[in-house]
N, C-alpha and C. Protein backbone atom coordinates (compact mmCIF):
# COMPACT_ATOMS: atom_id res chain seq x y z
N MET A 1 99.49 64.01 174.96
CA MET A 1 98.21 64.64 175.37
C MET A 1 97.22 64.50 174.20
N LYS A 2 96.00 64.23 174.57
CA LYS A 2 95.00 64.02 173.65
C LYS A 2 94.59 65.34 173.05
N ARG A 3 94.49 65.39 171.72
CA ARG A 3 94.19 66.64 171.06
C ARG A 3 92.71 66.62 170.68
N VAL A 4 92.10 67.78 170.71
CA VAL A 4 90.62 67.93 170.39
C VAL A 4 90.44 68.55 169.10
N VAL A 5 89.61 68.05 168.25
CA VAL A 5 89.32 68.56 166.95
C VAL A 5 87.91 69.08 166.86
N PHE A 6 87.70 70.23 166.20
CA PHE A 6 86.34 70.77 166.10
C PHE A 6 85.75 70.66 164.74
N ILE A 7 84.41 70.58 164.74
CA ILE A 7 83.68 70.41 163.49
C ILE A 7 82.97 71.76 163.13
N TYR A 8 83.11 72.17 161.80
CA TYR A 8 82.51 73.37 161.38
C TYR A 8 81.27 73.14 160.65
N ILE A 9 80.13 73.80 160.93
CA ILE A 9 78.86 73.52 160.34
C ILE A 9 78.65 74.36 159.09
N PHE A 10 78.31 73.80 158.02
CA PHE A 10 78.02 74.51 156.79
C PHE A 10 76.56 74.34 156.36
N SER A 11 75.77 75.27 156.19
CA SER A 11 74.39 75.13 155.85
C SER A 11 74.19 75.44 154.44
N PHE A 12 73.55 74.53 153.68
CA PHE A 12 73.39 74.69 152.21
C PHE A 12 71.96 74.43 151.85
N ILE A 13 71.12 75.44 151.99
CA ILE A 13 69.74 75.43 151.65
C ILE A 13 69.06 74.20 152.36
N GLY A 14 69.48 73.96 153.51
CA GLY A 14 68.79 72.89 154.31
C GLY A 14 69.09 71.45 153.85
N LEU A 15 69.96 71.30 152.83
CA LEU A 15 70.22 69.91 152.34
C LEU A 15 71.68 69.65 152.45
N PHE A 16 72.01 68.33 152.58
CA PHE A 16 73.42 68.01 152.68
C PHE A 16 74.03 68.10 151.27
N LEU A 17 75.37 68.31 151.22
CA LEU A 17 76.00 68.37 149.97
C LEU A 17 76.52 67.00 149.51
N SER A 18 76.49 66.69 148.24
CA SER A 18 77.00 65.48 147.80
C SER A 18 78.50 65.60 147.47
N CYS A 19 79.28 64.59 147.88
CA CYS A 19 80.69 64.65 147.60
C CYS A 19 80.91 64.52 146.13
N LYS A 20 81.73 65.29 145.48
CA LYS A 20 82.03 65.13 144.03
C LYS A 20 83.52 64.84 143.87
N GLY A 21 83.80 64.01 142.93
CA GLY A 21 85.21 63.58 142.69
C GLY A 21 85.94 64.59 141.85
N LYS A 22 87.14 64.22 141.45
CA LYS A 22 87.94 65.19 140.71
C LYS A 22 87.33 65.65 139.41
N GLU A 23 86.50 64.69 138.78
CA GLU A 23 85.87 65.14 137.53
C GLU A 23 84.54 65.78 137.74
N GLY A 24 84.16 66.00 139.01
CA GLY A 24 82.89 66.65 139.25
C GLY A 24 81.67 65.71 139.34
N ARG A 25 81.96 64.45 139.28
CA ARG A 25 80.85 63.46 139.29
C ARG A 25 80.49 63.11 140.78
N GLU A 26 79.19 62.88 141.01
CA GLU A 26 78.81 62.54 142.36
C GLU A 26 79.23 61.16 142.65
N VAL A 27 79.53 60.96 143.94
CA VAL A 27 79.99 59.60 144.38
C VAL A 27 78.73 58.79 144.43
N GLU A 28 78.78 57.57 143.91
CA GLU A 28 77.67 56.66 143.94
C GLU A 28 77.37 56.13 145.36
N LYS A 29 76.12 56.21 145.77
CA LYS A 29 75.73 55.73 147.10
C LYS A 29 75.38 54.22 147.06
N VAL A 30 75.99 53.36 147.75
CA VAL A 30 75.72 51.92 147.60
C VAL A 30 75.21 51.41 148.94
N GLY A 31 73.86 51.14 148.96
CA GLY A 31 73.28 50.56 150.13
C GLY A 31 73.74 51.08 151.43
N ASP A 32 74.15 50.20 152.34
CA ASP A 32 74.55 50.58 153.65
C ASP A 32 76.11 50.68 153.79
N VAL A 33 76.67 51.15 152.69
CA VAL A 33 78.16 51.24 152.69
C VAL A 33 78.64 52.19 153.82
N LYS A 34 79.70 51.76 154.45
CA LYS A 34 80.23 52.58 155.57
C LYS A 34 80.94 53.78 154.98
N MET A 35 80.86 54.91 155.68
CA MET A 35 81.39 56.16 155.04
C MET A 35 81.94 57.08 156.15
N ILE A 36 82.74 57.97 155.66
CA ILE A 36 83.17 59.11 156.50
C ILE A 36 82.24 60.30 156.19
N CYS A 37 81.65 60.89 157.23
CA CYS A 37 80.76 62.04 156.99
C CYS A 37 81.42 63.29 157.48
N ILE A 38 81.36 64.34 156.69
CA ILE A 38 81.90 65.68 157.09
C ILE A 38 80.72 66.57 157.48
N VAL A 39 80.90 67.09 158.68
CA VAL A 39 79.79 67.97 159.21
C VAL A 39 80.39 69.32 159.51
N PRO A 40 79.95 70.37 158.72
CA PRO A 40 80.36 71.68 159.02
C PRO A 40 79.72 72.18 160.31
N VAL A 41 80.48 72.91 161.15
CA VAL A 41 79.97 73.39 162.38
C VAL A 41 80.14 74.87 162.32
N GLY A 42 79.07 75.64 162.14
CA GLY A 42 79.19 77.06 161.89
C GLY A 42 79.32 77.31 160.44
N LYS A 43 79.80 78.47 160.01
CA LYS A 43 79.91 78.78 158.62
C LYS A 43 81.26 78.37 158.10
N ILE A 44 81.22 77.54 157.10
CA ILE A 44 82.45 76.97 156.41
C ILE A 44 82.41 77.28 154.95
N ASP A 45 83.54 77.70 154.42
CA ASP A 45 83.66 77.97 152.95
C ASP A 45 83.41 76.63 152.16
N GLU A 46 82.54 76.70 151.22
CA GLU A 46 82.22 75.47 150.43
C GLU A 46 83.47 74.85 149.73
N LYS A 47 84.40 75.77 149.42
CA LYS A 47 85.60 75.34 148.76
C LYS A 47 86.37 74.34 149.61
N ILE A 48 86.37 74.58 150.90
CA ILE A 48 87.05 73.68 151.79
C ILE A 48 86.44 72.28 151.81
N LEU A 49 85.13 72.24 151.79
CA LEU A 49 84.43 70.97 151.82
C LEU A 49 84.55 70.20 150.53
N SER A 50 84.49 70.90 149.41
CA SER A 50 84.65 70.22 148.07
C SER A 50 86.07 69.77 147.83
N PHE A 51 87.02 70.39 148.50
CA PHE A 51 88.41 69.97 148.37
C PHE A 51 88.67 68.75 149.19
N LEU A 52 88.20 68.70 150.39
CA LEU A 52 88.41 67.64 151.31
C LEU A 52 87.79 66.34 150.91
N CYS A 53 86.58 66.38 150.36
CA CYS A 53 85.77 65.23 150.10
C CYS A 53 86.52 64.12 149.24
N PRO A 54 87.02 64.51 148.04
CA PRO A 54 87.66 63.48 147.25
C PRO A 54 89.05 63.05 147.85
N LYS A 55 89.65 64.06 148.51
CA LYS A 55 91.01 63.76 149.12
C LYS A 55 90.95 62.68 150.22
N LEU A 56 89.93 62.85 151.09
CA LEU A 56 89.73 61.85 152.14
C LEU A 56 89.31 60.51 151.61
N LYS A 57 88.53 60.50 150.52
CA LYS A 57 88.11 59.27 149.93
C LYS A 57 89.43 58.58 149.41
N GLU A 58 90.30 59.26 148.82
CA GLU A 58 91.52 58.73 148.26
C GLU A 58 92.45 58.12 149.38
N VAL A 59 92.55 58.87 150.48
CA VAL A 59 93.44 58.40 151.57
C VAL A 59 92.90 57.20 152.28
N TYR A 60 91.55 57.29 152.59
CA TYR A 60 90.97 56.14 153.47
C TYR A 60 90.23 55.14 152.61
N ASN A 61 90.11 55.30 151.33
CA ASN A 61 89.45 54.34 150.46
C ASN A 61 88.04 54.05 151.00
N MET A 62 87.35 55.07 151.41
CA MET A 62 85.95 55.00 151.84
C MET A 62 85.15 56.05 151.23
N GLU A 63 83.86 55.82 151.12
CA GLU A 63 82.92 56.84 150.64
C GLU A 63 82.95 58.00 151.66
N VAL A 64 82.78 59.25 151.07
CA VAL A 64 82.83 60.41 151.93
C VAL A 64 81.63 61.33 151.55
N GLU A 65 80.86 61.74 152.47
CA GLU A 65 79.67 62.59 152.29
C GLU A 65 79.66 63.81 153.08
N ILE A 66 79.23 64.91 152.54
CA ILE A 66 79.10 66.14 153.32
C ILE A 66 77.66 66.17 153.82
N LYS A 67 77.47 66.31 155.13
CA LYS A 67 76.12 66.30 155.74
C LYS A 67 75.71 67.69 156.07
N GLU A 68 74.47 67.79 156.45
CA GLU A 68 73.96 69.06 156.89
C GLU A 68 74.69 69.63 158.07
N GLY A 69 74.89 70.88 158.16
CA GLY A 69 75.78 71.48 159.23
C GLY A 69 75.11 71.69 160.49
N LEU A 70 75.86 72.05 161.51
CA LEU A 70 75.43 72.27 162.82
C LEU A 70 75.73 73.73 163.17
N ASP A 71 74.99 74.26 164.12
CA ASP A 71 75.29 75.61 164.65
C ASP A 71 76.36 75.47 165.66
N LEU A 72 77.18 76.52 165.72
CA LEU A 72 78.23 76.58 166.78
C LEU A 72 77.50 76.68 168.19
N PRO A 73 77.91 75.77 169.09
CA PRO A 73 77.25 75.85 170.46
C PRO A 73 77.74 77.06 171.20
N ASN A 74 76.84 77.86 171.65
CA ASN A 74 77.30 79.09 172.34
C ASN A 74 77.98 78.80 173.61
N TYR A 75 77.61 77.65 174.25
CA TYR A 75 78.21 77.30 175.52
C TYR A 75 79.66 76.87 175.41
N ALA A 76 80.17 76.72 174.20
CA ALA A 76 81.55 76.34 173.94
C ALA A 76 82.41 77.56 173.93
N TYR A 77 81.88 78.74 173.84
CA TYR A 77 82.65 80.02 173.82
C TYR A 77 83.11 80.49 175.07
N ASN A 78 84.41 80.81 175.21
CA ASN A 78 84.97 81.39 176.43
C ASN A 78 85.35 82.85 176.14
N PRO A 79 84.46 83.79 176.59
CA PRO A 79 84.70 85.21 176.33
C PRO A 79 86.03 85.69 176.87
N GLU A 80 86.55 85.14 177.90
CA GLU A 80 87.84 85.57 178.40
C GLU A 80 89.00 85.21 177.54
N ARG A 81 89.00 84.08 176.99
CA ARG A 81 89.96 83.55 176.03
C ARG A 81 89.68 83.92 174.61
N LYS A 82 88.39 84.26 174.29
CA LYS A 82 87.94 84.55 172.98
C LYS A 82 88.16 83.27 172.05
N GLN A 83 87.98 82.14 172.64
CA GLN A 83 88.14 80.88 171.94
C GLN A 83 87.00 79.93 172.24
N TYR A 84 86.87 78.83 171.55
CA TYR A 84 85.90 77.84 171.69
C TYR A 84 86.55 76.56 172.32
N LEU A 85 85.83 75.99 173.38
CA LEU A 85 86.29 74.81 173.93
C LEU A 85 86.07 73.61 173.02
N SER A 86 87.19 72.99 172.63
CA SER A 86 87.11 71.93 171.57
C SER A 86 86.30 70.73 172.07
N THR A 87 86.46 70.30 173.34
CA THR A 87 85.70 69.15 173.86
C THR A 87 84.19 69.37 173.75
N ALA A 88 83.76 70.67 174.00
CA ALA A 88 82.30 70.92 173.94
C ALA A 88 81.79 70.70 172.54
N ILE A 89 82.57 71.18 171.48
CA ILE A 89 82.10 71.06 170.17
C ILE A 89 82.23 69.50 169.72
N LEU A 90 83.24 68.89 170.21
CA LEU A 90 83.36 67.47 169.89
C LEU A 90 82.13 66.71 170.39
N ASN A 91 81.73 66.97 171.64
CA ASN A 91 80.57 66.37 172.23
C ASN A 91 79.30 66.57 171.41
N LYS A 92 79.24 67.77 170.91
CA LYS A 92 78.11 68.19 170.04
C LYS A 92 78.08 67.37 168.85
N ILE A 93 79.23 67.10 168.23
CA ILE A 93 79.27 66.29 167.01
C ILE A 93 79.02 64.82 167.34
N LYS A 94 79.43 64.31 168.44
CA LYS A 94 79.22 62.99 168.81
C LYS A 94 77.68 62.75 169.11
N GLY A 95 76.97 63.79 169.35
CA GLY A 95 75.48 63.69 169.61
C GLY A 95 74.70 63.61 168.39
N THR A 96 75.27 63.79 167.22
CA THR A 96 74.46 63.73 165.89
C THR A 96 74.05 62.28 165.62
N LYS A 97 72.93 62.10 165.16
CA LYS A 97 72.36 60.72 164.86
C LYS A 97 72.63 60.42 163.39
N LEU A 98 73.87 60.25 163.11
CA LEU A 98 74.29 59.87 161.71
C LEU A 98 74.69 58.42 161.71
N VAL A 99 73.74 57.57 161.79
CA VAL A 99 74.06 56.15 162.02
C VAL A 99 74.64 55.45 160.88
N GLN A 100 74.55 56.02 159.68
CA GLN A 100 75.22 55.39 158.46
C GLN A 100 76.65 55.77 158.43
N CYS A 101 77.04 56.74 159.23
CA CYS A 101 78.52 57.20 159.22
C CYS A 101 79.40 56.44 160.16
N GLU A 102 80.36 55.81 159.62
CA GLU A 102 81.34 55.04 160.49
C GLU A 102 82.15 56.10 161.30
N LYS A 103 82.58 57.14 160.57
CA LYS A 103 83.32 58.23 161.26
C LYS A 103 82.70 59.57 160.93
N ILE A 104 82.80 60.52 161.85
CA ILE A 104 82.32 61.90 161.57
C ILE A 104 83.44 62.92 161.77
N LEU A 105 83.66 63.73 160.77
CA LEU A 105 84.67 64.79 160.85
C LEU A 105 83.93 66.09 160.93
N GLY A 106 84.08 66.75 162.08
CA GLY A 106 83.52 68.13 162.15
C GLY A 106 84.56 69.19 161.75
N ILE A 107 84.15 70.22 161.10
CA ILE A 107 85.05 71.30 160.68
C ILE A 107 84.44 72.58 161.17
N VAL A 108 85.34 73.40 161.84
CA VAL A 108 84.96 74.70 162.34
C VAL A 108 85.95 75.72 161.89
N ASP A 109 85.52 76.93 161.85
CA ASP A 109 86.36 78.07 161.51
C ASP A 109 86.41 79.06 162.66
N VAL A 110 86.67 78.51 163.81
CA VAL A 110 86.94 79.32 165.05
C VAL A 110 88.14 78.83 165.78
N ASP A 111 88.66 79.65 166.63
CA ASP A 111 89.92 79.25 167.35
C ASP A 111 89.50 78.32 168.48
N LEU A 112 90.16 77.08 168.57
CA LEU A 112 89.86 76.12 169.58
C LEU A 112 90.93 76.09 170.68
N TYR A 113 90.45 75.56 171.83
CA TYR A 113 91.38 75.45 172.90
C TYR A 113 90.94 74.27 173.84
N VAL A 114 91.90 73.83 174.64
CA VAL A 114 91.57 72.96 175.79
C VAL A 114 92.26 73.65 176.95
N PRO A 115 91.75 73.50 178.21
CA PRO A 115 92.29 74.23 179.32
C PRO A 115 93.81 74.23 179.56
N SER A 116 94.41 73.13 179.13
CA SER A 116 95.86 72.95 179.43
C SER A 116 96.75 73.46 178.32
N LEU A 117 96.17 73.97 177.21
CA LEU A 117 96.94 74.46 176.07
C LEU A 117 96.43 75.77 175.58
N ASN A 118 97.35 76.60 174.94
CA ASN A 118 96.90 77.87 174.38
C ASN A 118 95.91 77.73 173.22
N PHE A 119 96.05 76.69 172.43
CA PHE A 119 95.15 76.34 171.33
C PHE A 119 95.32 74.93 170.90
N VAL A 120 94.39 74.51 170.10
CA VAL A 120 94.55 73.20 169.41
C VAL A 120 94.09 73.33 168.04
N PHE A 121 94.67 72.55 167.12
CA PHE A 121 94.25 72.50 165.76
C PHE A 121 93.02 71.54 165.59
N GLY A 122 92.84 70.70 166.53
CA GLY A 122 91.62 69.82 166.45
C GLY A 122 91.77 68.80 167.59
N GLY A 123 90.81 67.89 167.52
CA GLY A 123 90.65 66.80 168.57
C GLY A 123 89.88 65.64 168.07
N ALA A 124 89.97 64.51 168.75
CA ALA A 124 89.31 63.37 168.36
C ALA A 124 88.99 62.47 169.56
N ASP A 125 87.98 61.65 169.34
CA ASP A 125 87.60 60.66 170.25
C ASP A 125 88.39 59.33 169.87
N LEU A 126 89.49 59.10 170.67
CA LEU A 126 90.38 57.95 170.30
C LEU A 126 89.59 56.64 170.20
N SER A 127 89.78 56.01 169.03
CA SER A 127 89.06 54.80 168.79
C SER A 127 87.52 54.90 168.78
N GLY A 128 87.06 56.17 168.65
CA GLY A 128 85.60 56.46 168.67
C GLY A 128 85.15 56.78 167.32
N LYS A 129 84.10 57.56 167.21
CA LYS A 129 83.42 57.87 166.01
C LYS A 129 83.67 59.24 165.44
N ALA A 130 83.91 60.21 166.35
CA ALA A 130 83.93 61.59 165.99
C ALA A 130 85.33 62.33 166.16
N CYS A 131 85.58 63.30 165.37
CA CYS A 131 86.73 64.21 165.49
C CYS A 131 86.35 65.58 164.98
N VAL A 132 87.25 66.52 165.21
CA VAL A 132 86.98 67.88 164.77
C VAL A 132 88.32 68.55 164.48
N ILE A 133 88.23 69.42 163.49
CA ILE A 133 89.41 70.31 163.18
C ILE A 133 88.98 71.72 163.03
N SER A 134 89.88 72.62 163.33
CA SER A 134 89.68 74.08 163.08
C SER A 134 90.62 74.54 161.97
N VAL A 135 90.05 75.33 161.02
CA VAL A 135 90.81 75.81 159.94
C VAL A 135 91.46 77.18 160.24
N THR A 136 91.06 77.78 161.30
CA THR A 136 91.33 79.21 161.59
C THR A 136 92.91 79.47 161.55
N ARG A 137 93.61 78.65 162.37
CA ARG A 137 95.07 78.90 162.48
C ARG A 137 95.91 78.27 161.34
N LEU A 138 95.20 77.68 160.38
CA LEU A 138 95.91 77.11 159.28
C LEU A 138 96.12 78.08 158.11
N ARG A 139 95.51 79.19 158.20
CA ARG A 139 95.63 80.26 157.17
C ARG A 139 96.90 81.05 157.40
N GLN A 140 97.57 81.40 156.36
CA GLN A 140 98.80 82.28 156.40
C GLN A 140 98.34 83.65 156.92
N GLU A 141 97.13 84.11 156.54
CA GLU A 141 96.72 85.43 156.94
C GLU A 141 96.51 85.56 158.49
N TYR A 142 96.35 84.45 159.18
CA TYR A 142 96.20 84.52 160.63
C TYR A 142 97.48 85.08 161.27
N TYR A 143 98.61 84.88 160.53
CA TYR A 143 99.88 85.22 161.09
C TYR A 143 100.40 86.44 160.35
N ASP A 144 99.47 87.20 159.67
CA ASP A 144 99.79 88.41 158.99
C ASP A 144 100.83 88.09 157.78
N LEU A 145 100.60 86.96 157.17
CA LEU A 145 101.48 86.60 156.05
C LEU A 145 100.55 86.52 154.78
N PRO A 146 101.19 86.63 153.56
CA PRO A 146 100.46 86.57 152.35
C PRO A 146 99.62 85.34 152.17
N LYS A 147 98.43 85.46 151.64
CA LYS A 147 97.55 84.31 151.48
C LYS A 147 98.20 83.25 150.55
N ASN A 148 98.03 81.99 150.95
CA ASN A 148 98.59 80.88 150.11
C ASN A 148 97.56 79.77 150.21
N GLU A 149 96.66 79.71 149.19
CA GLU A 149 95.54 78.79 149.15
C GLU A 149 95.98 77.34 149.11
N LYS A 150 97.03 77.10 148.32
CA LYS A 150 97.48 75.67 148.25
C LYS A 150 98.02 75.18 149.52
N LEU A 151 98.81 75.95 150.20
CA LEU A 151 99.33 75.57 151.49
C LEU A 151 98.20 75.43 152.55
N PHE A 152 97.25 76.36 152.50
CA PHE A 152 96.09 76.21 153.41
C PHE A 152 95.35 74.92 153.18
N GLU A 153 95.13 74.51 151.91
CA GLU A 153 94.43 73.32 151.68
C GLU A 153 95.22 72.03 152.18
N GLN A 154 96.49 72.05 151.93
CA GLN A 154 97.34 70.95 152.38
C GLN A 154 97.33 70.81 153.98
N ARG A 155 97.34 71.91 154.68
CA ARG A 155 97.26 71.94 156.10
C ARG A 155 95.87 71.34 156.62
N ILE A 156 94.85 71.69 155.90
CA ILE A 156 93.54 71.21 156.23
C ILE A 156 93.45 69.75 156.02
N LEU A 157 93.93 69.21 154.93
CA LEU A 157 93.90 67.78 154.61
C LEU A 157 94.75 67.03 155.66
N LYS A 158 95.99 67.51 156.01
CA LYS A 158 96.78 66.81 156.98
C LYS A 158 96.15 66.75 158.38
N GLU A 159 95.47 67.82 158.79
CA GLU A 159 94.79 67.80 160.10
C GLU A 159 93.57 66.91 160.10
N ALA A 160 92.87 66.88 158.95
CA ALA A 160 91.67 66.03 158.80
C ALA A 160 92.03 64.56 158.86
N VAL A 161 93.13 64.19 158.12
CA VAL A 161 93.58 62.82 158.06
C VAL A 161 94.10 62.42 159.43
N HIS A 162 94.78 63.31 160.06
CA HIS A 162 95.36 63.07 161.41
C HIS A 162 94.30 62.67 162.42
N GLU A 163 93.34 63.60 162.53
CA GLU A 163 92.26 63.38 163.55
C GLU A 163 91.36 62.16 163.25
N LEU A 164 91.14 61.89 161.97
CA LEU A 164 90.40 60.69 161.62
C LEU A 164 91.22 59.47 161.99
N GLY A 165 92.52 59.61 161.84
CA GLY A 165 93.39 58.49 162.23
C GLY A 165 93.28 58.06 163.67
N HIS A 166 93.06 59.10 164.54
CA HIS A 166 92.87 58.80 165.92
C HIS A 166 91.59 58.07 166.12
N THR A 167 90.51 58.30 165.35
CA THR A 167 89.27 57.65 165.56
C THR A 167 89.39 56.17 165.15
N PHE A 168 90.39 55.89 164.31
CA PHE A 168 90.64 54.52 163.93
C PHE A 168 91.68 53.76 164.90
N GLY A 169 91.99 54.52 165.95
CA GLY A 169 92.84 53.91 167.00
C GLY A 169 94.30 54.23 166.93
N LEU A 170 94.75 55.06 166.01
CA LEU A 170 96.11 55.41 165.91
C LEU A 170 96.55 56.46 166.90
N SER A 171 97.67 56.29 167.51
CA SER A 171 98.22 57.28 168.39
C SER A 171 99.17 58.13 167.69
N HIS A 172 99.90 59.09 168.34
CA HIS A 172 100.86 59.97 167.71
C HIS A 172 102.12 59.14 167.32
N CYS A 173 102.62 59.56 166.26
CA CYS A 173 103.81 58.78 165.65
C CYS A 173 105.05 59.57 165.75
N PRO A 174 106.17 58.92 166.06
CA PRO A 174 107.50 59.61 166.22
C PRO A 174 108.08 60.06 164.90
N ASP A 175 107.60 59.53 163.77
CA ASP A 175 108.13 59.87 162.46
C ASP A 175 107.59 61.19 162.09
N ILE A 176 108.45 62.20 161.89
CA ILE A 176 108.07 63.58 161.60
C ILE A 176 107.46 63.76 160.30
N LYS A 177 107.59 62.75 159.37
CA LYS A 177 106.98 62.82 158.04
C LYS A 177 105.57 62.20 157.99
N CYS A 178 105.30 61.34 159.09
CA CYS A 178 104.00 60.69 159.05
C CYS A 178 102.87 61.66 159.49
N VAL A 179 101.69 61.49 158.86
CA VAL A 179 100.59 62.38 159.12
C VAL A 179 100.12 62.27 160.57
N MET A 180 100.48 61.17 161.25
CA MET A 180 100.08 60.97 162.69
C MET A 180 101.06 61.62 163.69
N HIS A 181 102.06 62.25 163.15
CA HIS A 181 103.02 62.99 164.03
C HIS A 181 102.28 64.14 164.73
N PHE A 182 102.51 64.44 165.96
CA PHE A 182 101.79 65.48 166.68
C PHE A 182 102.37 66.86 166.20
N SER A 183 101.40 67.71 165.88
CA SER A 183 101.73 69.10 165.48
C SER A 183 101.64 69.99 166.69
N ASN A 184 102.80 70.28 167.27
CA ASN A 184 102.86 71.24 168.40
C ASN A 184 102.77 72.64 167.86
N ARG A 185 103.19 72.85 166.67
CA ARG A 185 103.17 74.17 166.01
C ARG A 185 102.91 73.94 164.55
N LEU A 186 102.59 75.00 163.83
CA LEU A 186 102.27 74.89 162.39
C LEU A 186 103.31 74.33 161.51
N SER A 187 104.60 74.66 161.88
CA SER A 187 105.72 74.10 161.17
C SER A 187 105.77 72.64 161.12
N ASP A 188 105.24 71.98 162.27
CA ASP A 188 105.21 70.54 162.29
C ASP A 188 104.30 69.94 161.25
N THR A 189 103.12 70.69 161.14
CA THR A 189 102.17 70.25 160.12
C THR A 189 102.71 70.38 158.69
N ASP A 190 103.49 71.41 158.48
CA ASP A 190 104.08 71.63 157.17
C ASP A 190 105.11 70.64 156.75
N ILE A 191 105.76 70.15 157.77
CA ILE A 191 106.94 69.16 157.48
C ILE A 191 106.32 67.82 157.11
N LYS A 192 105.25 67.42 157.81
CA LYS A 192 104.70 66.05 157.54
C LYS A 192 103.95 65.99 156.28
N SER A 193 103.73 64.69 155.84
CA SER A 193 102.91 64.51 154.69
C SER A 193 101.42 64.30 155.04
N HIS A 194 100.58 64.06 154.08
CA HIS A 194 99.20 63.80 154.43
C HIS A 194 98.85 62.29 154.40
N THR A 195 99.98 61.42 154.38
CA THR A 195 99.78 60.03 154.34
C THR A 195 100.53 59.35 155.52
N PHE A 196 100.24 58.04 155.71
CA PHE A 196 100.83 57.34 156.85
C PHE A 196 102.15 56.70 156.56
N CYS A 197 102.91 56.63 157.63
CA CYS A 197 104.23 55.87 157.56
C CYS A 197 103.88 54.35 157.45
N PRO A 198 104.80 53.53 157.07
CA PRO A 198 104.56 52.11 156.93
C PRO A 198 103.97 51.47 158.19
N SER A 199 104.44 51.88 159.42
CA SER A 199 104.02 51.41 160.68
C SER A 199 102.57 51.76 160.92
N CYS A 200 102.17 52.96 160.68
CA CYS A 200 100.81 53.40 160.98
C CYS A 200 99.89 52.77 159.93
N ARG A 201 100.39 52.67 158.67
CA ARG A 201 99.50 52.09 157.65
C ARG A 201 99.19 50.61 157.98
N SER A 202 100.26 49.93 158.50
CA SER A 202 100.06 48.52 158.85
C SER A 202 99.11 48.38 159.98
N ALA A 203 99.16 49.41 160.98
CA ALA A 203 98.26 49.33 162.16
C ALA A 203 96.74 49.57 161.78
N LEU A 204 96.60 50.17 160.64
CA LEU A 204 95.18 50.45 160.13
C LEU A 204 94.51 49.19 159.70
N GLY A 205 95.34 48.17 159.39
CA GLY A 205 94.78 46.91 158.95
C GLY A 205 94.19 46.96 157.46
N GLY A 206 93.05 46.43 157.32
CA GLY A 206 92.54 46.22 156.09
C GLY A 206 91.68 47.29 155.46
N LEU A 207 92.04 48.52 155.77
CA LEU A 207 91.28 49.68 155.11
C LEU A 207 91.61 49.93 153.68
N GLY A 208 92.75 49.38 153.21
CA GLY A 208 93.08 49.63 151.80
C GLY A 208 93.41 51.02 151.47
N ILE A 209 94.10 51.75 152.39
CA ILE A 209 94.41 53.12 152.10
C ILE A 209 95.61 53.25 151.16
N ASP A 210 95.80 54.49 150.68
CA ASP A 210 96.90 54.86 149.85
C ASP A 210 97.15 54.00 148.66
N LYS A 211 96.06 53.52 148.01
CA LYS A 211 96.24 52.76 146.81
C LYS A 211 96.11 53.63 145.57
């Protein structure tokens, strides 16, 4: 079943944030270079964005930029379920006019769902341009467990790489260690790595990932 990922909008004084590498240096912008764009949807902790940026660049070997955020669409909220419809948010992200972005990753901090499931961690437009993830259920505190920032970050990275993988045409992988394995529950996310198995890496072709 196709999973839906949501984008979380982060507003930063009306300007987009520049991705900074591990040494804090800004990523050099080169002409019309293709890139992955991160779009916060609603209020997102800046720490999440600054963590993801260099990590995604490392995995996909592409430039990564944080763009100006979006507001959460009110029409996506279901008051009966107290959740947001992931497909509605995904469509909102797909409507952004970010022509220089080859892929767009939306990040939200609200609970997402699709009608056939109790919740989803995210979703993507298979072989398309946009995907979205929710960080809400990735926190230990959501389950009344002690906060674990490192574990939280790793879960975010895995879900982001996974949903972006769908936009590049990858389907779910049977290898439980592969990042493209379907996470039916949070323990599935914790078991897998944030990288691709040899089969999925080969399917990605000439992206030059994991170097």
